[in-house]
Amino acid sequence: MENDYQAQAKVFKALCDPKRLAILAQLRSGEKCACVLQEPLDLTQSGLSYHMKILCDSGIVIGRQEGKWTHYRLSATGREHAVALLQALTTPDAAEPKKAEC
């Protein structure tokens, strides 16, 4: 059960940082090389790598190696998983709600 929560937390961790949101905004227009992502965000290569690892670990972004550069794109499967996860976590159970006992 704990592993499920850890995997779910990766999705939300990917979305809770302004730099990562800016990266996602850039990727909305299509695949981008790491060198293209790095400059407008004023990130070092290691800083970008850190954020990209979190985004890729969440499944929201996919990376592919081409020569010495990695190219990143949004993952439709990752997006669908994130949306389904948010919906599942915020939808009440169909059963009659239990009253909280104090």
Protein backbone atom coordinates (compact mmCIF):
# COMPACT_ATOMS: atom_id res chain seq x y z
CA MET A 1 0.00 0.00 0.00
CA GLU A 2 2.81 2.41 0.87
CA ASN A 3 4.39 1.90 -2.57
CA ASP A 4 1.10 2.97 -4.19
CA TYR A 5 1.19 6.22 -2.24
CA GLN A 6 4.84 6.78 -3.13
CA ALA A 7 4.10 6.30 -6.83
CA GLN A 8 1.11 8.63 -6.60
CA ALA A 9 3.17 11.27 -4.79
CA LYS A 10 5.66 11.32 -7.68
CA VAL A 11 2.93 12.64 -9.98
CA PHE A 12 2.03 15.47 -7.64
CA LYS A 13 5.67 16.24 -6.83
CA ALA A 14 6.23 16.78 -10.55
CA LEU A 15 3.48 19.40 -10.60
CA CYS A 16 4.33 21.33 -7.43
CA ASP A 17 7.32 23.37 -8.58
CA PRO A 18 7.23 26.58 -10.66
CA LYS A 19 10.28 25.56 -12.75
CA ARG A 20 8.71 22.21 -13.61
CA LEU A 21 5.44 23.91 -14.54
CA ALA A 22 7.42 26.23 -16.83
CA ILE A 23 9.11 23.20 -18.42
CA LEU A 24 5.71 21.58 -19.01
CA ALA A 25 4.48 24.82 -20.59
CA GLN A 26 7.43 24.76 -23.01
CA LEU A 27 6.82 21.13 -23.89
CA ARG A 28 3.20 21.85 -24.80
CA SER A 29 4.41 23.10 -28.20
CA GLY A 30 6.27 19.86 -28.91
CA GLU A 31 9.45 17.94 -28.23
CA LYS A 32 12.39 20.02 -27.05
CA CYS A 33 16.08 19.37 -26.60
CA ALA A 34 17.45 19.88 -23.10
CA CYS A 35 19.61 22.71 -24.43
CA VAL A 36 16.47 24.56 -25.59
CA LEU A 37 14.71 24.06 -22.23
CA GLN A 38 17.69 25.16 -20.17
CA GLU A 39 18.25 28.72 -21.38
CA PRO A 40 14.86 30.46 -20.90
CA LEU A 41 14.51 28.97 -17.42
CA ASP A 42 17.95 30.18 -16.34
CA LEU A 43 18.89 26.70 -15.15
CA THR A 44 22.26 25.02 -15.05
CA GLN A 45 22.56 21.66 -16.76
CA SER A 46 22.47 19.90 -13.39
CA GLY A 47 19.43 21.96 -12.33
CA LEU A 48 17.56 21.01 -15.49
CA SER A 49 18.57 17.36 -15.07
CA TYR A 50 17.17 17.38 -11.54
CA HIS A 51 13.79 18.71 -12.68
CA MET A 52 13.66 16.45 -15.74
CA LYS A 53 14.33 13.36 -13.61
CA ILE A 54 11.34 14.22 -11.43
CA LEU A 55 9.13 14.86 -14.47
CA CYS A 56 10.24 11.63 -16.15
CA ASP A 57 9.90 9.56 -12.94
CA SER A 58 6.31 10.79 -12.70
CA GLY A 59 5.58 9.51 -16.22
CA ILE A 60 4.33 12.93 -17.37
CA VAL A 61 7.42 13.50 -19.55
CA ILE A 62 9.37 11.09 -21.75
CA GLY A 63 13.02 11.56 -22.66
CA ARG A 64 14.97 10.10 -25.55
CA GLN A 65 18.70 10.26 -26.12
CA GLU A 66 20.06 11.63 -29.40
CA GLY A 67 23.81 11.97 -29.42
CA LYS A 68 24.90 13.89 -26.34
CA TRP A 69 21.52 15.59 -25.88
CA THR A 70 18.26 14.34 -24.46
CA HIS A 71 15.01 15.37 -26.12
CA TYR A 72 11.87 15.59 -23.99
CA ARG A 73 8.17 15.47 -24.78
CA LEU A 74 4.90 15.24 -22.92
CA SER A 75 3.49 11.75 -22.45
CA ALA A 76 -0.18 11.25 -23.31
CA THR A 77 -0.22 8.14 -21.13
CA GLY A 78 1.34 10.05 -18.23
CA ARG A 79 -1.21 12.85 -18.61
CA GLU A 80 -4.10 10.39 -18.62
CA HIS A 81 -2.70 8.67 -15.53
CA ALA A 82 -2.31 12.00 -13.67
CA VAL A 83 -5.85 13.09 -14.53
CA ALA A 84 -7.30 9.71 -13.51
CA LEU A 85 -5.31 9.78 -10.27
CA LEU A 86 -6.54 13.25 -9.34
CA GLN A 87 -10.10 12.28 -10.16
CA ALA A 88 -9.89 9.06 -8.12
CA LEU A 89 -8.38 10.83 -5.12
CA THR A 90 -10.95 13.63 -5.09
CA THR A 91 -14.09 11.61 -5.82
CA PRO A 92 -16.04 10.42 -2.76
CA ASP A 93 -16.72 6.70 -2.46
CA ALA A 94 -20.13 5.66 -3.79
CA ALA A 95 -21.03 4.11 -0.44
CA GLU A 96 -22.87 6.09 2.20
CA PRO A 97 -20.37 8.39 3.89
CA LYS A 98 -19.45 7.44 7.43
CA LYS A 99 -19.83 10.04 10.11
CA ALA A 100 -16.62 10.94 11.83
CA GLU A 101 -16.42 9.90 15.43
CA CYS A 102 -14.68 12.22 17.85
